[in-house]
Amino acid sequence: KEKYEGLITFGDKSRVGRGGMTAKVKAAVYSAQAGIPVVITSGCAPDNIIKVLNGERIGTLFHRDANTWGPSGAVGARDMAVAARESSRQLQAMSPGARSKILLDIASALEANEQNITVENEADVAAAQQAGYEKSLISRLALKPGKISSLANSIRVLANMEEPIGHVLNRTEIASGFVLEKKSSSLGVLLVIFESRPDALVQIASLAIRSGNGLLLKGGKEARRSNAALHKVITSAIPENVGQKLIGLVTSRDEIPDLLKLDDVI
């Protein structure tokens, strides 16, 4: 197997490979040190060069200043997930009544900020119309009159429903005086990817809070402004002892592959 400066070990050559990866890496390093960034990527896909030129994150980038750069997207994704997990633990430690109060506060906050939410939503709808999106998508995207009030009322109904955490699902007597109970519990952190329906963000966030879970949300890009406005209103209503990072908003598709790898956190 080939090695580069004792730091990188390359696997065996493929059956049809030409080899020489060490030489490629050396050439890339020399070029980068001279101030010329280099990307080494697979030649199997004919459009990889175009993707690199368009700024997509594929292949391996060699850059002279790479050691001075901040954390990568993967680290940012992990930080977001870990923060949501820590906040979810604080949420789970609260009494059922305290969790219900958070939902009631969110419902009131939505109604109080309806005008600002509507302005942002109308901007999304106008942009979608200008871009020529289908009417069905625009219909799902729009928050019609009365929708915010309807969402707020639904949240209040959810807040007053039976407590879902700690509910005994099954009991089994193992031995005399020894009973095994199966109880419902929070999952921890949820990652939910949904289409351009701003009302879905409210519904998903409310269900996550009611069940004591942290949440990472990725909505359709067409609802970017609506989602940001709703996320701000909802997280602002979460008490400090839980933390606004309970619900994270993913804004780029590029972060999704990194988040999907975090099965130890999500």
C-alpha atoms as a PDB file:
ATOM      1  CA  LYS A   1       0.000   0.000   0.000  1.00  0.00           C
ATOM      2  CA  GLU A   2       1.138   3.531  -0.770  1.00  0.00           C
ATOM      3  CA  LYS A   3       1.831   6.060   1.971  1.00  0.00           C
ATOM      4  CA  TYR A   4       2.373   9.805   2.005  1.00  0.00           C
ATOM      5  CA  GLU A   5       4.747  11.217   4.630  1.00  0.00           C
ATOM      6  CA  GLY A   6       3.608   8.530   7.050  1.00  0.00           C
ATOM      7  CA  LEU A   7       0.273  10.318   7.507  1.00  0.00           C
ATOM      8  CA  ILE A   8      -1.928   8.999   4.721  1.00  0.00           C
ATOM      9  CA  THR A   9      -2.249   5.341   3.766  1.00  0.00           C
ATOM     10  CA  PHE A  10      -3.864   4.558   0.431  1.00  0.00           C
ATOM     11  CA  GLY A  11      -5.807   1.370  -0.175  1.00  0.00           C
ATOM     12  CA  ASP A  12      -5.024  -1.204  -2.822  1.00  0.00           C
ATOM     13  CA  LYS A  13      -5.409  -0.193  -6.433  1.00  0.00           C
ATOM     14  CA  SER A  14      -8.632  -1.121  -8.171  1.00  0.00           C
ATOM     15  CA  ARG A  15      -8.604  -3.727 -10.928  1.00  0.00           C
ATOM     16  CA  VAL A  16      -8.677  -1.059 -13.631  1.00  0.00           C
ATOM     17  CA  GLY A  17      -6.859   1.718 -11.744  1.00  0.00           C
ATOM     18  CA  ARG A  18      -3.666   3.334 -12.930  1.00  0.00           C
ATOM     19  CA  GLY A  19      -2.340   3.833  -9.380  1.00  0.00           C
ATOM     20  CA  GLY A  20      -0.099   6.739  -8.499  1.00  0.00           C
ATOM     21  CA  MET A  21      -2.284   8.367  -5.824  1.00  0.00           C
ATOM     22  CA  THR A  22       0.817   9.290  -3.837  1.00  0.00           C
ATOM     23  CA  ALA A  23       2.114  11.254  -6.806  1.00  0.00           C
ATOM     24  CA  LYS A  24      -1.256  12.977  -7.177  1.00  0.00           C
ATOM     25  CA  VAL A  25      -1.304  14.002  -3.523  1.00  0.00           C
ATOM     26  CA  LYS A  26       2.291  15.251  -3.676  1.00  0.00           C
ATOM     27  CA  ALA A  27       1.486  17.341  -6.731  1.00  0.00           C
ATOM     28  CA  ALA A  28      -1.631  18.726  -5.031  1.00  0.00           C
ATOM     29  CA  VAL A  29       0.314  19.645  -1.896  1.00  0.00           C
ATOM     30  CA  TYR A  30       3.079  21.363  -3.884  1.00  0.00           C
ATOM     31  CA  SER A  31       0.497  23.345  -5.856  1.00  0.00           C
ATOM     32  CA  ALA A  32      -1.401  24.327  -2.720  1.00  0.00           C
ATOM     33  CA  GLN A  33       1.802  25.495  -1.040  1.00  0.00           C
ATOM     34  CA  ALA A  34       2.415  27.697  -4.078  1.00  0.00           C
ATOM     35  CA  GLY A  35      -1.013  29.274  -3.630  1.00  0.00           C
ATOM     36  CA  ILE A  36      -2.937  27.216  -6.188  1.00  0.00           C
ATOM     37  CA  PRO A  37      -5.905  25.316  -4.660  1.00  0.00           C
ATOM     38  CA  VAL A  38      -6.362  21.773  -5.955  1.00  0.00           C
ATOM     39  CA  VAL A  39      -9.276  19.343  -5.776  1.00  0.00           C
ATOM     40  CA  ILE A  40      -8.746  15.615  -6.261  1.00  0.00           C
ATOM     41  CA  THR A  41     -12.012  13.912  -7.165  1.00  0.00           C
ATOM     42  CA  SER A  42     -13.239  10.755  -8.857  1.00  0.00           C
ATOM     43  CA  GLY A  43     -13.188  10.639 -12.626  1.00  0.00           C
ATOM     44  CA  CYS A  44     -15.925   8.002 -12.768  1.00  0.00           C
ATOM     45  CA  ALA A  45     -18.700  10.610 -12.883  1.00  0.00           C
ATOM     46  CA  PRO A  46     -18.387  12.723 -16.038  1.00  0.00           C
ATOM     47  CA  ASP A  47     -19.836  15.840 -14.391  1.00  0.00           C
ATOM     48  CA  ASN A  48     -17.610  15.917 -11.302  1.00  0.00           C
ATOM     49  CA  ILE A  49     -15.394  18.670 -12.715  1.00  0.00           C
ATOM     50  CA  ILE A  50     -18.455  20.840 -13.337  1.00  0.00           C
ATOM     51  CA  LYS A  51     -19.651  20.170  -9.789  1.00  0.00           C
ATOM     52  CA  VAL A  52     -16.284  21.217  -8.372  1.00  0.00           C
ATOM     53  CA  LEU A  53     -16.326  24.421 -10.417  1.00  0.00           C
ATOM     54  CA  ASN A  54     -19.828  25.122  -9.138  1.00  0.00           C
ATOM     55  CA  GLY A  55     -18.569  24.914  -5.571  1.00  0.00           C
ATOM     56  CA  GLU A  56     -20.121  21.591  -4.587  1.00  0.00           C
ATOM     57  CA  ARG A  57     -18.362  19.795  -1.759  1.00  0.00           C
ATOM     58  CA  ILE A  58     -17.046  16.691  -3.491  1.00  0.00           C
ATOM     59  CA  GLY A  59     -13.545  15.292  -3.599  1.00  0.00           C
ATOM     60  CA  THR A  60     -10.650  16.484  -1.428  1.00  0.00           C
ATOM     61  CA  LEU A  61      -9.552  20.115  -1.414  1.00  0.00           C
ATOM     62  CA  PHE A  62      -5.902  21.022  -0.893  1.00  0.00           C
ATOM     63  CA  HIS A  63      -5.436  24.661   0.148  1.00  0.00           C
ATOM     64  CA  ARG A  64      -2.503  26.524   1.646  1.00  0.00           C
ATOM     65  CA  ASP A  65      -4.603  28.149   4.382  1.00  0.00           C
ATOM     66  CA  ALA A  66      -6.740  25.116   5.237  1.00  0.00           C
ATOM     67  CA  ASN A  67      -5.202  24.784   8.704  1.00  0.00           C
ATOM     68  CA  THR A  68      -6.488  28.269   9.634  1.00  0.00           C
ATOM     69  CA  TRP A  69     -10.093  27.655   8.647  1.00  0.00           C
ATOM     70  CA  GLY A  70     -12.900  27.268  11.159  1.00  0.00           C
ATOM     71  CA  PRO A  71     -14.849  24.085  11.877  1.00  0.00           C
ATOM     72  CA  SER A  72     -16.278  22.236   8.914  1.00  0.00           C
ATOM     73  CA  GLY A  73     -19.958  21.764   8.234  1.00  0.00           C
ATOM     74  CA  ALA A  74     -19.854  18.322   9.853  1.00  0.00           C
ATOM     75  CA  VAL A  75     -18.687  19.853  13.147  1.00  0.00           C
ATOM     76  CA  GLY A  76     -21.404  22.493  12.916  1.00  0.00           C
ATOM     77  CA  ALA A  77     -24.011  19.805  12.344  1.00  0.00           C
ATOM     78  CA  ARG A  78     -22.791  17.858  15.364  1.00  0.00           C
ATOM     79  CA  ASP A  79     -22.814  20.975  17.529  1.00  0.00           C
ATOM     80  CA  MET A  80     -26.416  21.642  16.537  1.00  0.00           C
ATOM     81  CA  ALA A  81     -27.465  18.063  17.303  1.00  0.00           C
ATOM     82  CA  VAL A  82     -25.619  17.933  20.631  1.00  0.00           C
ATOM     83  CA  ALA A  83     -27.151  21.253  21.704  1.00  0.00           C
ATOM     84  CA  ALA A  84     -30.629  19.948  20.865  1.00  0.00           C
ATOM     85  CA  ARG A  85     -29.949  16.792  22.873  1.00  0.00           C
ATOM     86  CA  GLU A  86     -28.793  18.748  25.924  1.00  0.00           C
ATOM     87  CA  SER A  87     -31.858  20.981  25.751  1.00  0.00           C
ATOM     88  CA  SER A  88     -34.132  17.962  25.349  1.00  0.00           C
ATOM     89  CA  ARG A  89     -32.813  16.536  28.613  1.00  0.00           C
ATOM     90  CA  GLN A  90     -33.756  19.747  30.381  1.00  0.00           C
ATOM     91  CA  LEU A  91     -37.184  19.560  28.764  1.00  0.00           C
ATOM     92  CA  GLN A  92     -37.687  15.962  29.891  1.00  0.00           C
ATOM     93  CA  ALA A  93     -36.765  16.914  33.464  1.00  0.00           C
ATOM     94  CA  MET A  94     -39.641  19.404  33.618  1.00  0.00           C
ATOM     95  CA  SER A  95     -43.052  18.579  35.000  1.00  0.00           C
ATOM     96  CA  PRO A  96     -45.837  17.778  32.528  1.00  0.00           C
ATOM     97  CA  GLY A  97     -47.494  21.052  33.443  1.00  0.00           C
ATOM     98  CA  ALA A  98     -44.342  23.028  32.663  1.00  0.00           C
ATOM     99  CA  ARG A  99     -44.026  21.385  29.247  1.00  0.00           C
ATOM    100  CA  SER A 100     -47.666  22.162  28.539  1.00  0.00           C
ATOM    101  CA  LYS A 101     -47.084  25.796  29.496  1.00  0.00           C
ATOM    102  CA  ILE A 102     -44.332  26.053  26.862  1.00  0.00           C
ATOM    103  CA  LEU A 103     -46.849  25.028  24.225  1.00  0.00           C
ATOM    104  CA  LEU A 104     -49.400  27.524  25.492  1.00  0.00           C
ATOM    105  CA  ASP A 105     -46.754  30.257  25.363  1.00  0.00           C
ATOM    106  CA  ILE A 106     -45.879  29.264  21.793  1.00  0.00           C
ATOM    107  CA  ALA A 107     -49.535  29.463  20.781  1.00  0.00           C
ATOM    108  CA  SER A 108     -49.803  32.967  22.208  1.00  0.00           C
ATOM    109  CA  ALA A 109     -46.512  34.014  20.590  1.00  0.00           C
ATOM    110  CA  LEU A 110     -47.710  32.869  17.174  1.00  0.00           C
ATOM    111  CA  GLU A 111     -50.862  34.943  17.462  1.00  0.00           C
ATOM    112  CA  ALA A 112     -48.924  37.961  18.710  1.00  0.00           C
ATOM    113  CA  ASN A 113     -46.520  37.755  15.772  1.00  0.00           C
ATOM    114  CA  GLU A 114     -49.032  36.860  13.082  1.00  0.00           C
ATOM    115  CA  GLN A 115     -48.426  40.045  11.106  1.00  0.00           C
ATOM    116  CA  ASN A 116     -44.649  39.542  10.896  1.00  0.00           C
ATOM    117  CA  ILE A 117     -45.082  35.887   9.953  1.00  0.00           C
ATOM    118  CA  THR A 118     -47.568  36.819   7.236  1.00  0.00           C
ATOM    119  CA  VAL A 119     -45.198  39.391   5.731  1.00  0.00           C
ATOM    120  CA  GLU A 120     -42.411  36.813   5.452  1.00  0.00           C
ATOM    121  CA  ASN A 121     -44.774  34.205   4.058  1.00  0.00           C
ATOM    122  CA  GLU A 122     -46.097  36.586   1.430  1.00  0.00           C
ATOM    123  CA  ALA A 123     -42.509  37.253   0.351  1.00  0.00           C
ATOM    124  CA  ASP A 124     -41.948  33.502  -0.092  1.00  0.00           C
ATOM    125  CA  VAL A 125     -45.158  33.151  -2.079  1.00  0.00           C
ATOM    126  CA  ALA A 126     -44.271  36.089  -4.330  1.00  0.00           C
ATOM    127  CA  ALA A 127     -40.817  34.625  -4.992  1.00  0.00           C
ATOM    128  CA  ALA A 128     -42.328  31.221  -5.804  1.00  0.00           C
ATOM    129  CA  GLN A 129     -44.800  32.790  -8.229  1.00  0.00           C
ATOM    130  CA  GLN A 130     -42.043  34.754  -9.920  1.00  0.00           C
ATOM    131  CA  ALA A 131     -39.962  31.582 -10.238  1.00  0.00           C
ATOM    132  CA  GLY A 132     -42.858  29.863 -11.992  1.00  0.00           C
ATOM    133  CA  TYR A 133     -43.528  27.100  -9.466  1.00  0.00           C
ATOM    134  CA  GLU A 134     -46.641  24.964  -9.803  1.00  0.00           C
ATOM    135  CA  LYS A 135     -49.868  26.226  -8.266  1.00  0.00           C
ATOM    136  CA  SER A 136     -50.063  23.178  -5.996  1.00  0.00           C
ATOM    137  CA  LEU A 137     -46.724  24.054  -4.380  1.00  0.00           C
ATOM    138  CA  ILE A 138     -47.698  27.701  -3.993  1.00  0.00           C
ATOM    139  CA  SER A 139     -50.975  26.633  -2.391  1.00  0.00           C
ATOM    140  CA  ARG A 140     -49.116  24.523   0.183  1.00  0.00           C
ATOM    141  CA  LEU A 141     -46.638  27.327   0.758  1.00  0.00           C
ATOM    142  CA  ALA A 142     -49.194  30.030   1.525  1.00  0.00           C
ATOM    143  CA  LEU A 143     -50.423  30.622   5.068  1.00  0.00           C
ATOM    144  CA  LYS A 144     -54.010  31.569   4.317  1.00  0.00           C
ATOM    145  CA  PRO A 145     -56.015  33.972   6.527  1.00  0.00           C
ATOM    146  CA  GLY A 146     -56.925  32.318   9.796  1.00  0.00           C
ATOM    147  CA  LYS A 147     -54.184  29.681   9.502  1.00  0.00           C
ATOM    148  CA  ILE A 148     -52.052  31.059  12.335  1.00  0.00           C
ATOM    149  CA  SER A 149     -55.060  31.160  14.664  1.00  0.00           C
ATOM    150  CA  SER A 150     -55.939  27.603  13.662  1.00  0.00           C
ATOM    151  CA  LEU A 151     -52.392  26.438  14.394  1.00  0.00           C
ATOM    152  CA  ALA A 152     -52.403  28.207  17.759  1.00  0.00           C
ATOM    153  CA  ASN A 153     -55.690  26.560  18.744  1.00  0.00           C
ATOM    154  CA  SER A 154     -54.347  23.144  17.706  1.00  0.00           C
ATOM    155  CA  ILE A 155     -51.301  23.697  19.915  1.00  0.00           C
ATOM    156  CA  ARG A 156     -53.566  24.512  22.868  1.00  0.00           C
ATOM    157  CA  VAL A 157     -55.485  21.288  22.308  1.00  0.00           C
ATOM    158  CA  LEU A 158     -52.186  19.385  22.213  1.00  0.00           C
ATOM    159  CA  ALA A 159     -51.027  21.065  25.428  1.00  0.00           C
ATOM    160  CA  ASN A 160     -54.115  19.823  27.259  1.00  0.00           C
ATOM    161  CA  MET A 161     -53.884  16.238  26.023  1.00  0.00           C
ATOM    162  CA  GLU A 162     -52.815  13.316  28.189  1.00  0.00           C
ATOM    163  CA  GLU A 163     -49.140  13.318  29.162  1.00  0.00           C
ATOM    164  CA  PRO A 164     -47.302  11.055  26.664  1.00  0.00           C
ATOM    165  CA  ILE A 165     -44.101  10.563  28.683  1.00  0.00           C
ATOM    166  CA  GLY A 166     -43.957   7.867  31.358  1.00  0.00           C
ATOM    167  CA  HIS A 167     -47.185   6.198  30.268  1.00  0.00           C
ATOM    168  CA  VAL A 168     -47.188   2.515  31.267  1.00  0.00           C
ATOM    169  CA  LEU A 169     -47.592   0.447  28.112  1.00  0.00           C
ATOM    170  CA  ASN A 170     -47.186  -3.026  29.587  1.00  0.00           C
ATOM    171  CA  ARG A 171     -46.536  -4.783  32.900  1.00  0.00           C
ATOM    172  CA  THR A 172     -45.031  -8.233  33.343  1.00  0.00           C
ATOM    173  CA  GLU A 173     -44.617  -9.977  36.689  1.00  0.00           C
ATOM    174  CA  ILE A 174     -41.191 -11.602  36.535  1.00  0.00           C
ATOM    175  CA  ALA A 175     -41.348 -13.033  40.033  1.00  0.00           C
ATOM    176  CA  SER A 176     -43.225 -12.450  43.243  1.00  0.00           C
ATOM    177  CA  GLY A 177     -42.877  -8.748  44.009  1.00  0.00           C
ATOM    178  CA  PHE A 178     -40.813  -8.145  40.884  1.00  0.00           C
ATOM    179  CA  VAL A 179     -42.788  -6.399  38.133  1.00  0.00           C
ATOM    180  CA  LEU A 180     -41.256  -5.269  34.851  1.00  0.00           C
ATOM    181  CA  GLU A 181     -42.882  -2.186  33.342  1.00  0.00           C
ATOM    182  CA  LYS A 182     -42.624  -0.909  29.802  1.00  0.00           C
ATOM    183  CA  LYS A 183     -43.096   2.866  29.690  1.00  0.00           C
ATOM    184  CA  SER A 184     -43.217   5.420  26.924  1.00  0.00           C
ATOM    185  CA  SER A 185     -40.235   7.739  26.822  1.00  0.00           C
ATOM    186  CA  SER A 186     -38.753  10.489  24.698  1.00  0.00           C
ATOM    187  CA  LEU A 187     -36.519   9.499  21.792  1.00  0.00           C
ATOM    188  CA  GLY A 188     -33.998  12.311  22.291  1.00  0.00           C
ATOM    189  CA  VAL A 189     -33.415  14.298  19.097  1.00  0.00           C
ATOM    190  CA  LEU A 190     -35.497  14.074  15.929  1.00  0.00           C
ATOM    191  CA  LEU A 191     -34.387  15.079  12.446  1.00  0.00           C
ATOM    192  CA  VAL A 192     -37.366  15.911  10.239  1.00  0.00           C
ATOM    193  CA  ILE A 193     -37.101  16.908   6.582  1.00  0.00           C
ATOM    194  CA  PHE A 194     -40.328  18.227   5.110  1.00  0.00           C
ATOM    195  CA  GLU A 195     -41.607  20.002   2.017  1.00  0.00           C
ATOM    196  CA  SER A 196     -42.382  23.698   1.623  1.00  0.00           C
ATOM    197  CA  ARG A 197     -45.267  23.787   4.087  1.00  0.00           C
ATOM    198  CA  PRO A 198     -44.637  26.326   6.863  1.00  0.00           C
ATOM    199  CA  ASP A 199     -47.568  25.005   8.893  1.00  0.00           C
ATOM    200  CA  ALA A 200     -45.762  21.664   9.106  1.00  0.00           C
ATOM    201  CA  LEU A 201     -42.911  23.342  10.991  1.00  0.00           C
ATOM    202  CA  VAL A 202     -45.313  24.482  13.695  1.00  0.00           C
ATOM    203  CA  GLN A 203     -47.006  21.100  13.954  1.00  0.00           C
ATOM    204  CA  ILE A 204     -43.756  19.123  14.093  1.00  0.00           C
ATOM    205  CA  ALA A 205     -42.169  21.457  16.643  1.00  0.00           C
ATOM    206  CA  SER A 206     -45.240  21.285  18.886  1.00  0.00           C
ATOM    207  CA  LEU A 207     -45.325  17.492  18.815  1.00  0.00           C
ATOM    208  CA  ALA A 208     -41.603  17.312  19.578  1.00  0.00           C
ATOM    209  CA  ILE A 209     -41.949  19.579  22.608  1.00  0.00           C
ATOM    210  CA  ARG A 210     -45.025  17.725  23.879  1.00  0.00           C
ATOM    211  CA  SER A 211     -43.114  14.442  23.721  1.00  0.00           C
ATOM    212  CA  GLY A 212     -39.945  15.870  25.299  1.00  0.00           C
ATOM    213  CA  ASN A 213     -37.743  15.668  22.226  1.00  0.00           C
ATOM    214  CA  GLY A 214     -35.141  17.947  20.719  1.00  0.00           C
ATOM    215  CA  LEU A 215     -35.615  18.700  17.050  1.00  0.00           C
ATOM    216  CA  LEU A 216     -33.691  19.545  13.903  1.00  0.00           C
ATOM    217  CA  LEU A 217     -35.835  20.816  11.036  1.00  0.00           C
ATOM    218  CA  LYS A 218     -35.125  21.116   7.328  1.00  0.00           C
ATOM    219  CA  GLY A 219     -37.916  22.609   5.277  1.00  0.00           C
ATOM    220  CA  GLY A 220     -38.163  23.293   1.573  1.00  0.00           C
ATOM    221  CA  LYS A 221     -36.085  26.196   0.297  1.00  0.00           C
ATOM    222  CA  GLU A 222     -39.194  27.876  -1.102  1.00  0.00           C
ATOM    223  CA  ALA A 223     -40.383  28.510   2.478  1.00  0.00           C
ATOM    224  CA  ARG A 224     -37.063  29.822   3.744  1.00  0.00           C
ATOM    225  CA  ARG A 225     -38.334  33.150   5.071  1.00  0.00           C
ATOM    226  CA  SER A 226     -41.541  31.693   6.506  1.00  0.00           C
ATOM    227  CA  ASN A 227     -39.651  28.927   8.291  1.00  0.00           C
ATOM    228  CA  ALA A 228     -37.114  31.368   9.715  1.00  0.00           C
ATOM    229  CA  ALA A 229     -39.877  33.618  11.062  1.00  0.00           C
ATOM    230  CA  LEU A 230     -41.809  30.730  12.617  1.00  0.00           C
ATOM    231  CA  HIS A 231     -38.658  29.195  14.076  1.00  0.00           C
ATOM    232  CA  LYS A 232     -37.736  32.504  15.712  1.00  0.00           C
ATOM    233  CA  VAL A 233     -41.186  32.925  17.250  1.00  0.00           C
ATOM    234  CA  ILE A 234     -41.313  29.354  18.559  1.00  0.00           C
ATOM    235  CA  THR A 235     -37.807  29.262  20.027  1.00  0.00           C
ATOM    236  CA  SER A 236     -38.268  32.683  21.634  1.00  0.00           C
ATOM    237  CA  ALA A 237     -41.111  31.203  23.680  1.00  0.00           C
ATOM    238  CA  ILE A 238     -38.935  28.389  25.061  1.00  0.00           C
ATOM    239  CA  PRO A 239     -37.708  29.174  28.611  1.00  0.00           C
ATOM    240  CA  GLU A 240     -34.028  29.822  29.267  1.00  0.00           C
ATOM    241  CA  ASN A 241     -33.591  26.751  31.464  1.00  0.00           C
ATOM    242  CA  VAL A 242     -34.398  24.604  28.417  1.00  0.00           C
ATOM    243  CA  GLY A 243     -32.758  26.780  25.767  1.00  0.00           C
ATOM    244  CA  GLN A 244     -33.662  27.926  22.284  1.00  0.00           C
ATOM    245  CA  LYS A 245     -31.286  25.352  20.799  1.00  0.00           C
ATOM    246  CA  LEU A 246     -33.908  22.720  21.578  1.00  0.00           C
ATOM    247  CA  ILE A 247     -35.126  23.289  18.023  1.00  0.00           C
ATOM    248  CA  GLY A 248     -32.522  23.798  15.325  1.00  0.00           C
ATOM    249  CA  LEU A 249     -33.284  25.001  11.819  1.00  0.00           C
ATOM    250  CA  VAL A 250     -31.159  23.497   9.048  1.00  0.00           C
ATOM    251  CA  THR A 251     -30.923  25.979   6.195  1.00  0.00           C
ATOM    252  CA  SER A 252     -28.730  24.170   3.674  1.00  0.00           C
ATOM    253  CA  ARG A 253     -29.091  20.831   1.909  1.00  0.00           C
ATOM    254  CA  ASP A 254     -25.322  20.446   2.224  1.00  0.00           C
ATOM    255  CA  GLU A 255     -25.721  19.877   5.972  1.00  0.00           C
ATOM    256  CA  ILE A 256     -28.096  16.931   5.601  1.00  0.00           C
ATOM    257  CA  PRO A 257     -25.466  14.250   4.760  1.00  0.00           C
ATOM    258  CA  ASP A 258     -23.484  15.312   7.840  1.00  0.00           C
ATOM    259  CA  LEU A 259     -26.579  15.153  10.045  1.00  0.00           C
ATOM    260  CA  LEU A 260     -27.544  11.710   8.758  1.00  0.00           C
ATOM    261  CA  LYS A 261     -24.206  10.382   9.975  1.00  0.00           C
ATOM    262  CA  LEU A 262     -24.870  11.471  13.571  1.00  0.00           C
ATOM    263  CA  ASP A 263     -26.786   8.384  14.652  1.00  0.00           C
ATOM    264  CA  ASP A 264     -25.060   8.564  18.033  1.00  0.00           C
ATOM    265  CA  VAL A 265     -26.803  11.876  18.727  1.00  0.00           C
ATOM    266  CA  ILE A 266     -29.963  11.889  16.591  1.00  0.00           C
END
